Amino acid sequence: VTDDQGNVLAGRPVEYTSENTSIATVSSTGIVTGVALGSTRIIAASEGKTGAAEVSVVPVRVASVEVTPPQANLTVGQSATLTVVARDAGGTVLTGRTVAWTTGAPSVATVSSTGIVTGVGTGSAVIFATIEGRTGSATIDVRPVAVTSVSVAPASTGIAVGASVQL
């Protein structure tokens, strides 16, 4: 609050209001709290005069991305679901963020837009989850399908000396 010369007038009552309390609220002392994404104006009034400030409420920035499990073993053709947690600089979990999944070795493992990883060839692949420029990863080792039995056909045969039979 100032006079017509620009001098600060101390001790004058000021009333604060938000034009859109669903975007931001303001306390009686002028502390603004973001409620939802968007913009609004905060109005300060004293003795019939007003001033305003534009306030934009923006999402909290992602500081880290964690993919779980961080390491998994699959066989060719097998799938597993990876999950992702985004955190702000204080470690608080952030929800509702868009995740971009990519694979570092598409000939070894593919990944869907929902984090489902499928082993397609033997080897190791790093799967990346990126949220707002921050990336986390998981390592996927893909093994060949294990042999569970061996069958020989025909199960028995007779052959003459010097002859051969294909099994």
N, C-alpha and C. Protein backbone atom coordinates (compact mmCIF):
# COMPACT_ATOMS: atom_id res chain seq x y z
N VAL A 1 0.86 -1.16 0.00
CA VAL A 1 0.00 0.00 0.00
C VAL A 1 0.91 1.23 0.00
N THR A 2 0.67 2.12 -0.96
CA THR A 2 1.48 3.34 -1.05
C THR A 2 0.58 4.56 -1.19
N ASP A 3 1.14 5.73 -0.89
CA ASP A 3 0.40 6.98 -1.09
C ASP A 3 0.65 7.48 -2.50
N ASP A 4 0.15 8.69 -2.82
CA ASP A 4 0.28 9.22 -4.17
C ASP A 4 1.71 9.60 -4.54
N GLN A 5 2.61 9.59 -3.57
CA GLN A 5 4.03 9.87 -3.80
C GLN A 5 4.86 8.59 -3.92
N GLY A 6 4.19 7.41 -3.71
CA GLY A 6 4.89 6.13 -3.78
C GLY A 6 5.49 5.69 -2.45
N ASN A 7 5.16 6.41 -1.38
CA ASN A 7 5.66 6.05 -0.05
C ASN A 7 4.84 4.90 0.52
N VAL A 8 5.51 3.92 1.11
CA VAL A 8 4.83 2.78 1.70
C VAL A 8 4.06 3.23 2.93
N LEU A 9 2.80 2.81 3.01
CA LEU A 9 1.95 3.11 4.15
C LEU A 9 1.82 1.85 4.99
N ALA A 10 2.52 1.79 6.10
CA ALA A 10 2.52 0.60 6.95
C ALA A 10 1.24 0.55 7.79
N GLY A 11 0.88 -0.67 8.17
CA GLY A 11 -0.24 -0.87 9.09
C GLY A 11 -1.61 -0.72 8.47
N ARG A 12 -1.71 -0.57 7.18
CA ARG A 12 -3.03 -0.45 6.54
C ARG A 12 -3.58 -1.86 6.29
N PRO A 13 -4.90 -2.04 6.54
CA PRO A 13 -5.48 -3.37 6.33
C PRO A 13 -5.54 -3.70 4.82
N VAL A 14 -5.20 -4.97 4.52
CA VAL A 14 -5.26 -5.45 3.14
C VAL A 14 -6.09 -6.72 3.14
N GLU A 15 -7.02 -6.80 2.20
CA GLU A 15 -7.85 -8.00 2.04
C GLU A 15 -7.48 -8.66 0.72
N TYR A 16 -7.17 -9.95 0.79
CA TYR A 16 -6.77 -10.71 -0.40
C TYR A 16 -7.90 -11.63 -0.83
N THR A 17 -8.07 -11.76 -2.16
CA THR A 17 -9.06 -12.70 -2.70
C THR A 17 -8.48 -13.33 -3.97
N SER A 18 -8.94 -14.54 -4.25
CA SER A 18 -8.58 -15.22 -5.48
C SER A 18 -9.77 -15.17 -6.41
N GLU A 19 -9.55 -14.86 -7.68
CA GLU A 19 -10.65 -14.86 -8.65
C GLU A 19 -11.13 -16.26 -8.95
N ASN A 20 -10.29 -17.28 -8.72
CA ASN A 20 -10.71 -18.66 -8.98
C ASN A 20 -10.10 -19.55 -7.90
N THR A 21 -10.85 -19.80 -6.84
CA THR A 21 -10.34 -20.60 -5.71
C THR A 21 -10.17 -22.07 -6.07
N SER A 22 -10.70 -22.51 -7.21
CA SER A 22 -10.45 -23.89 -7.62
C SER A 22 -9.05 -24.03 -8.23
N ILE A 23 -8.40 -22.91 -8.56
CA ILE A 23 -7.03 -22.91 -9.08
C ILE A 23 -6.04 -22.58 -7.96
N ALA A 24 -6.31 -21.50 -7.21
CA ALA A 24 -5.42 -21.09 -6.12
C ALA A 24 -6.23 -20.36 -5.05
N THR A 25 -5.83 -20.57 -3.80
CA THR A 25 -6.44 -19.84 -2.69
C THR A 25 -5.40 -18.88 -2.12
N VAL A 26 -5.86 -17.91 -1.36
CA VAL A 26 -4.95 -16.95 -0.75
C VAL A 26 -5.41 -16.72 0.69
N SER A 27 -4.43 -16.69 1.60
CA SER A 27 -4.75 -16.48 3.02
C SER A 27 -4.92 -14.99 3.30
N SER A 28 -5.35 -14.67 4.51
CA SER A 28 -5.53 -13.28 4.91
C SER A 28 -4.21 -12.52 4.97
N THR A 29 -3.09 -13.25 4.99
CA THR A 29 -1.77 -12.61 5.00
C THR A 29 -1.10 -12.62 3.63
N GLY A 30 -1.80 -13.09 2.59
CA GLY A 30 -1.28 -13.05 1.23
C GLY A 30 -0.51 -14.28 0.79
N ILE A 31 -0.60 -15.38 1.54
CA ILE A 31 0.09 -16.60 1.14
C ILE A 31 -0.81 -17.35 0.16
N VAL A 32 -0.29 -17.57 -1.06
CA VAL A 32 -1.05 -18.22 -2.13
C VAL A 32 -0.71 -19.70 -2.14
N THR A 33 -1.75 -20.54 -2.25
CA THR A 33 -1.58 -21.99 -2.32
C THR A 33 -2.21 -22.51 -3.60
N GLY A 34 -1.43 -23.24 -4.41
CA GLY A 34 -1.94 -23.84 -5.63
C GLY A 34 -2.87 -24.99 -5.30
N VAL A 35 -4.01 -25.05 -5.98
CA VAL A 35 -5.00 -26.10 -5.77
C VAL A 35 -5.07 -27.04 -6.98
N ALA A 36 -5.05 -26.46 -8.18
CA ALA A 36 -5.14 -27.25 -9.41
C ALA A 36 -4.37 -26.50 -10.50
N LEU A 37 -4.03 -27.21 -11.57
CA LEU A 37 -3.30 -26.59 -12.67
C LEU A 37 -4.15 -25.51 -13.32
N GLY A 38 -3.53 -24.39 -13.66
CA GLY A 38 -4.25 -23.30 -14.32
C GLY A 38 -3.74 -21.95 -13.87
N SER A 39 -4.47 -20.91 -14.25
CA SER A 39 -4.09 -19.54 -13.90
C SER A 39 -5.26 -18.80 -13.28
N THR A 40 -4.96 -17.89 -12.41
CA THR A 40 -5.97 -17.02 -11.80
C THR A 40 -5.29 -15.74 -11.37
N ARG A 41 -6.11 -14.77 -10.94
CA ARG A 41 -5.59 -13.52 -10.42
C ARG A 41 -5.86 -13.45 -8.93
N ILE A 42 -4.88 -12.94 -8.21
CA ILE A 42 -5.03 -12.66 -6.78
C ILE A 42 -5.18 -11.15 -6.65
N ILE A 43 -6.25 -10.74 -5.98
CA ILE A 43 -6.56 -9.32 -5.82
C ILE A 43 -6.26 -8.91 -4.38
N ALA A 44 -5.57 -7.79 -4.21
CA ALA A 44 -5.33 -7.20 -2.90
C ALA A 44 -6.07 -5.86 -2.87
N ALA A 45 -6.85 -5.66 -1.82
CA ALA A 45 -7.64 -4.42 -1.71
C ALA A 45 -7.38 -3.76 -0.37
N SER A 46 -7.25 -2.42 -0.41
CA SER A 46 -7.08 -1.64 0.82
C SER A 46 -7.69 -0.26 0.59
N GLU A 47 -8.61 0.10 1.45
CA GLU A 47 -9.24 1.42 1.43
C GLU A 47 -9.77 1.79 0.05
N GLY A 48 -10.43 0.83 -0.61
CA GLY A 48 -11.07 1.07 -1.89
C GLY A 48 -10.15 0.97 -3.10
N LYS A 49 -8.88 0.77 -2.91
CA LYS A 49 -7.93 0.62 -4.02
C LYS A 49 -7.53 -0.85 -4.14
N THR A 50 -7.22 -1.28 -5.37
CA THR A 50 -6.86 -2.69 -5.59
C THR A 50 -5.59 -2.82 -6.42
N GLY A 51 -4.95 -3.95 -6.23
CA GLY A 51 -3.83 -4.36 -7.06
C GLY A 51 -4.01 -5.84 -7.33
N ALA A 52 -3.37 -6.35 -8.37
CA ALA A 52 -3.57 -7.76 -8.73
C ALA A 52 -2.25 -8.38 -9.16
N ALA A 53 -2.19 -9.69 -8.99
CA ALA A 53 -1.05 -10.49 -9.46
C ALA A 53 -1.60 -11.71 -10.19
N GLU A 54 -0.99 -12.02 -11.34
CA GLU A 54 -1.34 -13.23 -12.07
C GLU A 54 -0.58 -14.39 -11.44
N VAL A 55 -1.29 -15.47 -11.17
CA VAL A 55 -0.68 -16.65 -10.59
C VAL A 55 -0.95 -17.84 -11.50
N SER A 56 0.10 -18.55 -11.88
CA SER A 56 -0.03 -19.77 -12.67
C SER A 56 0.37 -20.95 -11.78
N VAL A 57 -0.50 -21.94 -11.70
CA VAL A 57 -0.21 -23.16 -10.94
C VAL A 57 0.25 -24.20 -11.95
N VAL A 58 1.48 -24.66 -11.77
CA VAL A 58 2.09 -25.60 -12.70
C VAL A 58 2.35 -26.92 -11.99
N PRO A 59 2.52 -28.01 -12.73
CA PRO A 59 2.81 -29.29 -12.08
C PRO A 59 4.17 -29.26 -11.38
N VAL A 60 4.29 -30.01 -10.32
CA VAL A 60 5.57 -30.18 -9.64
C VAL A 60 6.49 -30.94 -10.60
N ARG A 61 7.73 -30.51 -10.70
CA ARG A 61 8.67 -31.14 -11.62
C ARG A 61 9.09 -32.53 -11.13
N VAL A 62 9.24 -33.42 -12.09
CA VAL A 62 9.74 -34.76 -11.81
C VAL A 62 11.25 -34.67 -11.61
N ALA A 63 11.73 -35.21 -10.49
CA ALA A 63 13.17 -35.20 -10.21
C ALA A 63 13.80 -36.57 -10.45
N SER A 64 13.01 -37.64 -10.24
CA SER A 64 13.56 -38.98 -10.44
C SER A 64 12.47 -39.94 -10.90
N VAL A 65 12.92 -40.97 -11.61
CA VAL A 65 12.03 -42.01 -12.12
C VAL A 65 12.62 -43.35 -11.71
N GLU A 66 11.80 -44.17 -11.05
CA GLU A 66 12.25 -45.49 -10.59
C GLU A 66 11.42 -46.57 -11.27
N VAL A 67 12.09 -47.52 -11.90
CA VAL A 67 11.42 -48.63 -12.56
C VAL A 67 11.59 -49.88 -11.69
N THR A 68 10.48 -50.59 -11.48
CA THR A 68 10.54 -51.84 -10.71
C THR A 68 9.89 -52.96 -11.50
N PRO A 69 10.44 -54.16 -11.41
CA PRO A 69 11.70 -54.45 -10.74
C PRO A 69 12.86 -53.87 -11.54
N PRO A 70 13.98 -53.55 -10.88
CA PRO A 70 15.11 -52.97 -11.61
C PRO A 70 15.85 -53.99 -12.48
N GLN A 71 15.62 -55.29 -12.20
CA GLN A 71 16.25 -56.35 -12.98
C GLN A 71 15.28 -57.52 -13.04
N ALA A 72 15.15 -58.14 -14.21
CA ALA A 72 14.26 -59.30 -14.36
C ALA A 72 14.87 -60.29 -15.35
N ASN A 73 14.53 -61.56 -15.14
CA ASN A 73 14.95 -62.64 -16.04
C ASN A 73 13.72 -63.19 -16.73
N LEU A 74 13.79 -63.30 -18.04
CA LEU A 74 12.69 -63.86 -18.84
C LEU A 74 13.26 -64.92 -19.76
N THR A 75 12.37 -65.76 -20.27
CA THR A 75 12.74 -66.65 -21.36
C THR A 75 12.11 -66.09 -22.63
N VAL A 76 12.60 -66.51 -23.76
CA VAL A 76 12.04 -66.05 -25.04
C VAL A 76 10.55 -66.36 -25.05
N GLY A 77 9.74 -65.36 -25.38
CA GLY A 77 8.29 -65.51 -25.43
C GLY A 77 7.60 -65.16 -24.12
N GLN A 78 8.33 -65.06 -23.05
CA GLN A 78 7.73 -64.74 -21.75
C GLN A 78 7.62 -63.22 -21.59
N SER A 79 6.61 -62.77 -20.82
CA SER A 79 6.40 -61.34 -20.58
C SER A 79 6.38 -61.04 -19.09
N ALA A 80 6.67 -59.79 -18.76
CA ALA A 80 6.60 -59.31 -17.38
C ALA A 80 6.17 -57.85 -17.43
N THR A 81 5.52 -57.39 -16.38
CA THR A 81 5.08 -56.01 -16.31
C THR A 81 6.01 -55.20 -15.42
N LEU A 82 6.49 -54.10 -15.96
CA LEU A 82 7.31 -53.16 -15.19
C LEU A 82 6.40 -52.04 -14.70
N THR A 83 6.72 -51.49 -13.54
CA THR A 83 5.99 -50.33 -13.03
C THR A 83 6.96 -49.19 -12.83
N VAL A 84 6.41 -48.00 -12.76
CA VAL A 84 7.25 -46.81 -12.65
C VAL A 84 6.69 -45.90 -11.57
N VAL A 85 7.61 -45.26 -10.83
CA VAL A 85 7.24 -44.27 -9.82
C VAL A 85 8.04 -43.02 -10.10
N ALA A 86 7.33 -41.90 -10.24
CA ALA A 86 7.98 -40.60 -10.41
C ALA A 86 7.97 -39.89 -9.05
N ARG A 87 9.07 -39.21 -8.74
CA ARG A 87 9.17 -38.48 -7.47
C ARG A 87 9.66 -37.06 -7.72
N ASP A 88 9.23 -36.14 -6.84
CA ASP A 88 9.76 -34.78 -6.91
C ASP A 88 11.08 -34.71 -6.15
N ALA A 89 11.66 -33.54 -6.07
CA ALA A 89 12.97 -33.38 -5.43
C ALA A 89 12.95 -33.74 -3.95
N GLY A 90 11.79 -33.65 -3.31
CA GLY A 90 11.67 -34.01 -1.90
C GLY A 90 11.34 -35.48 -1.68
N GLY A 91 11.21 -36.25 -2.77
CA GLY A 91 10.90 -37.67 -2.65
C GLY A 91 9.42 -38.01 -2.65
N THR A 92 8.57 -37.01 -2.79
CA THR A 92 7.13 -37.25 -2.82
C THR A 92 6.74 -37.89 -4.14
N VAL A 93 5.90 -38.92 -4.07
CA VAL A 93 5.44 -39.62 -5.27
C VAL A 93 4.51 -38.70 -6.06
N LEU A 94 4.75 -38.62 -7.37
CA LEU A 94 3.93 -37.83 -8.28
C LEU A 94 3.09 -38.78 -9.13
N THR A 95 1.81 -38.52 -9.24
CA THR A 95 0.93 -39.39 -10.02
C THR A 95 0.40 -38.64 -11.25
N GLY A 96 -0.21 -39.42 -12.13
CA GLY A 96 -0.86 -38.83 -13.30
C GLY A 96 0.09 -38.35 -14.37
N ARG A 97 1.29 -38.84 -14.40
CA ARG A 97 2.28 -38.41 -15.39
C ARG A 97 2.32 -39.41 -16.54
N THR A 98 2.62 -38.93 -17.74
CA THR A 98 2.71 -39.77 -18.92
C THR A 98 4.10 -40.40 -19.00
N VAL A 99 4.12 -41.71 -19.23
CA VAL A 99 5.38 -42.46 -19.30
C VAL A 99 5.64 -42.87 -20.75
N ALA A 100 6.86 -42.64 -21.22
CA ALA A 100 7.29 -43.12 -22.54
C ALA A 100 8.25 -44.28 -22.30
N TRP A 101 7.86 -45.48 -22.74
CA TRP A 101 8.69 -46.69 -22.58
C TRP A 101 9.47 -46.93 -23.86
N THR A 102 10.76 -47.27 -23.73
CA THR A 102 11.59 -47.63 -24.88
C THR A 102 12.52 -48.77 -24.48
N THR A 103 13.01 -49.47 -25.50
CA THR A 103 13.96 -50.55 -25.26
C THR A 103 15.29 -50.22 -25.92
N GLY A 104 16.36 -50.59 -25.24
CA GLY A 104 17.68 -50.37 -25.80
C GLY A 104 18.11 -51.48 -26.74
N ALA A 105 17.38 -52.60 -26.74
CA ALA A 105 17.73 -53.74 -27.60
C ALA A 105 16.44 -54.41 -28.06
N PRO A 106 15.80 -53.88 -29.10
CA PRO A 106 14.53 -54.44 -29.55
C PRO A 106 14.61 -55.87 -30.07
N SER A 107 15.81 -56.34 -30.43
CA SER A 107 15.93 -57.73 -30.87
C SER A 107 15.99 -58.69 -29.69
N VAL A 108 16.13 -58.16 -28.47
CA VAL A 108 16.17 -58.98 -27.26
C VAL A 108 14.86 -58.87 -26.48
N ALA A 109 14.37 -57.64 -26.30
CA ALA A 109 13.14 -57.44 -25.54
C ALA A 109 12.38 -56.24 -26.09
N THR A 110 11.08 -56.39 -26.19
CA THR A 110 10.22 -55.28 -26.59
C THR A 110 9.48 -54.79 -25.35
N VAL A 111 8.94 -53.57 -25.43
CA VAL A 111 8.16 -53.03 -24.32
C VAL A 111 6.97 -52.29 -24.89
N SER A 112 5.80 -52.50 -24.27
CA SER A 112 4.58 -51.85 -24.72
C SER A 112 4.46 -50.47 -24.07
N SER A 113 3.46 -49.73 -24.49
CA SER A 113 3.23 -48.40 -23.94
C SER A 113 2.76 -48.46 -22.49
N THR A 114 2.43 -49.65 -22.00
CA THR A 114 2.00 -49.80 -20.61
C THR A 114 3.06 -50.50 -19.74
N GLY A 115 4.27 -50.72 -20.29
CA GLY A 115 5.35 -51.29 -19.52
C GLY A 115 5.42 -52.81 -19.52
N ILE A 116 4.72 -53.46 -20.43
CA ILE A 116 4.80 -54.92 -20.53
C ILE A 116 6.00 -55.27 -21.41
N VAL A 117 6.96 -55.99 -20.83
CA VAL A 117 8.19 -56.37 -21.53
C VAL A 117 8.06 -57.82 -21.98
N THR A 118 8.46 -58.08 -23.23
CA THR A 118 8.41 -59.43 -23.78
C THR A 118 9.79 -59.80 -24.31
N GLY A 119 10.28 -60.96 -23.89
CA GLY A 119 11.55 -61.46 -24.41
C GLY A 119 11.36 -61.99 -25.81
N VAL A 120 12.17 -61.50 -26.76
CA VAL A 120 12.04 -61.94 -28.15
C VAL A 120 13.32 -62.60 -28.67
N GLY A 121 14.41 -62.46 -27.96
CA GLY A 121 15.68 -63.08 -28.37
C GLY A 121 16.60 -63.14 -27.16
N THR A 122 17.58 -64.01 -27.20
CA THR A 122 18.46 -64.16 -26.04
C THR A 122 19.43 -62.97 -25.93
N GLY A 123 19.75 -62.64 -24.70
CA GLY A 123 20.68 -61.55 -24.44
C GLY A 123 20.18 -60.66 -23.32
N SER A 124 20.68 -59.44 -23.28
CA SER A 124 20.33 -58.49 -22.24
C SER A 124 19.84 -57.20 -22.89
N ALA A 125 18.80 -56.60 -22.30
CA ALA A 125 18.25 -55.35 -22.82
C ALA A 125 17.96 -54.42 -21.66
N VAL A 126 18.20 -53.14 -21.89
CA VAL A 126 17.84 -52.13 -20.91
C VAL A 126 16.52 -51.50 -21.38
N ILE A 127 15.55 -51.45 -20.47
CA ILE A 127 14.26 -50.85 -20.76
C ILE A 127 14.23 -49.49 -20.05
N PHE A 128 13.84 -48.45 -20.77
CA PHE A 128 13.83 -47.10 -20.24
C PHE A 128 12.40 -46.59 -20.07
N ALA A 129 12.16 -45.89 -18.97
CA ALA A 129 10.90 -45.19 -18.72
C ALA A 129 11.24 -43.72 -18.56
N THR A 130 10.67 -42.88 -19.43
CA THR A 130 10.96 -41.45 -19.39
C THR A 130 9.69 -40.68 -19.07
N ILE A 131 9.80 -39.79 -18.08
CA ILE A 131 8.70 -38.93 -17.67
C ILE A 131 9.25 -37.51 -17.59
N GLU A 132 8.71 -36.64 -18.41
CA GLU A 132 9.06 -35.22 -18.39
C GLU A 132 10.58 -34.98 -18.37
N GLY A 133 11.29 -35.72 -19.21
CA GLY A 133 12.73 -35.53 -19.36
C GLY A 133 13.60 -36.31 -18.38
N ARG A 134 13.00 -36.97 -17.42
CA ARG A 134 13.76 -37.78 -16.46
C ARG A 134 13.57 -39.24 -16.82
N THR A 135 14.65 -40.03 -16.68
CA THR A 135 14.60 -41.42 -17.12
C THR A 135 15.06 -42.37 -16.02
N GLY A 136 14.34 -43.49 -15.92
CA GLY A 136 14.73 -44.61 -15.07
C GLY A 136 14.87 -45.82 -15.97
N SER A 137 15.47 -46.90 -15.45
CA SER A 137 15.67 -48.07 -16.31
C SER A 137 15.63 -49.36 -15.53
N ALA A 138 15.45 -50.44 -16.28
CA ALA A 138 15.50 -51.80 -15.74
C ALA A 138 16.27 -52.64 -16.74
N THR A 139 17.02 -53.62 -16.23
CA THR A 139 17.77 -54.53 -17.09
C THR A 139 17.02 -55.84 -17.18
N ILE A 140 16.81 -56.29 -18.40
CA ILE A 140 16.09 -57.54 -18.66
C ILE A 140 17.05 -58.52 -19.32
N ASP A 141 17.23 -59.68 -18.68
CA ASP A 141 18.04 -60.75 -19.26
C ASP A 141 17.10 -61.79 -19.82
N VAL A 142 17.28 -62.12 -21.10
CA VAL A 142 16.41 -63.08 -21.78
C VAL A 142 17.22 -64.33 -22.12
N ARG A 143 16.71 -65.46 -21.64
CA ARG A 143 17.35 -66.76 -21.88
C ARG A 143 16.50 -67.54 -22.88
N PRO A 144 17.11 -68.52 -23.53
CA PRO A 144 16.31 -69.38 -24.40
C PRO A 144 15.35 -70.22 -23.57
N VAL A 145 14.31 -70.68 -24.21
CA VAL A 145 13.36 -71.57 -23.54
C VAL A 145 14.10 -72.83 -23.13
N ALA A 146 13.90 -73.29 -21.91
CA ALA A 146 14.60 -74.46 -21.38
C ALA A 146 14.04 -75.75 -21.99
N VAL A 147 14.92 -76.71 -22.22
CA VAL A 147 14.52 -78.03 -22.68
C VAL A 147 13.90 -78.76 -21.49
N THR A 148 12.70 -79.30 -21.67
CA THR A 148 12.04 -80.03 -20.57
C THR A 148 11.95 -81.53 -20.86
N SER A 149 12.09 -81.93 -22.13
CA SER A 149 12.07 -83.36 -22.43
C SER A 149 12.64 -83.57 -23.83
N VAL A 150 13.03 -84.82 -24.08
CA VAL A 150 13.52 -85.22 -25.41
C VAL A 150 12.77 -86.48 -25.79
N SER A 151 12.20 -86.49 -27.00
CA SER A 151 11.51 -87.67 -27.52
C SER A 151 12.23 -88.15 -28.76
N VAL A 152 12.35 -89.47 -28.91
CA VAL A 152 12.98 -90.06 -30.09
C VAL A 152 11.90 -90.87 -30.80
N ALA A 153 11.79 -90.67 -32.11
CA ALA A 153 10.81 -91.43 -32.88
C ALA A 153 11.53 -92.04 -34.08
N PRO A 154 11.29 -93.23 -34.38
CA PRO A 154 10.46 -94.17 -33.60
C PRO A 154 11.17 -94.57 -32.32
N ALA A 155 10.38 -94.96 -31.32
CA ALA A 155 10.91 -95.33 -30.00
C ALA A 155 11.78 -96.58 -30.08
N SER A 156 11.52 -97.48 -31.03
CA SER A 156 12.39 -98.65 -31.23
C SER A 156 12.37 -99.00 -32.70
N THR A 157 13.47 -99.55 -33.17
CA THR A 157 13.57 -99.96 -34.57
C THR A 157 14.63 -101.01 -34.70
N GLY A 158 14.61 -101.71 -35.74
CA GLY A 158 15.65 -102.69 -36.02
C GLY A 158 16.29 -102.33 -37.35
N ILE A 159 17.61 -102.46 -37.44
CA ILE A 159 18.28 -102.20 -38.70
C ILE A 159 19.30 -103.29 -38.98
N ALA A 160 19.54 -103.50 -40.24
CA ALA A 160 20.52 -104.50 -40.66
C ALA A 160 21.91 -103.92 -40.59
N VAL A 161 22.92 -104.77 -40.45
CA VAL A 161 24.31 -104.30 -40.45
C VAL A 161 24.58 -103.58 -41.74
N GLY A 162 25.17 -102.36 -41.62
CA GLY A 162 25.50 -101.57 -42.78
C GLY A 162 24.36 -100.69 -43.26
N ALA A 163 23.15 -100.89 -42.73
CA ALA A 163 22.01 -100.07 -43.12
C ALA A 163 21.89 -98.89 -42.15
N SER A 164 21.05 -97.94 -42.47
CA SER A 164 20.83 -96.80 -41.57
C SER A 164 19.35 -96.46 -41.52
N VAL A 165 18.97 -95.84 -40.43
CA VAL A 165 17.59 -95.42 -40.22
C VAL A 165 17.62 -94.00 -39.68
N GLN A 166 16.75 -93.17 -40.18
CA GLN A 166 16.64 -91.80 -39.68
C GLN A 166 15.77 -91.78 -38.44
N LEU A 167 16.28 -91.24 -37.30
CA LEU A 167 15.50 -91.08 -36.07
C LEU A 167 15.04 -89.65 -35.97
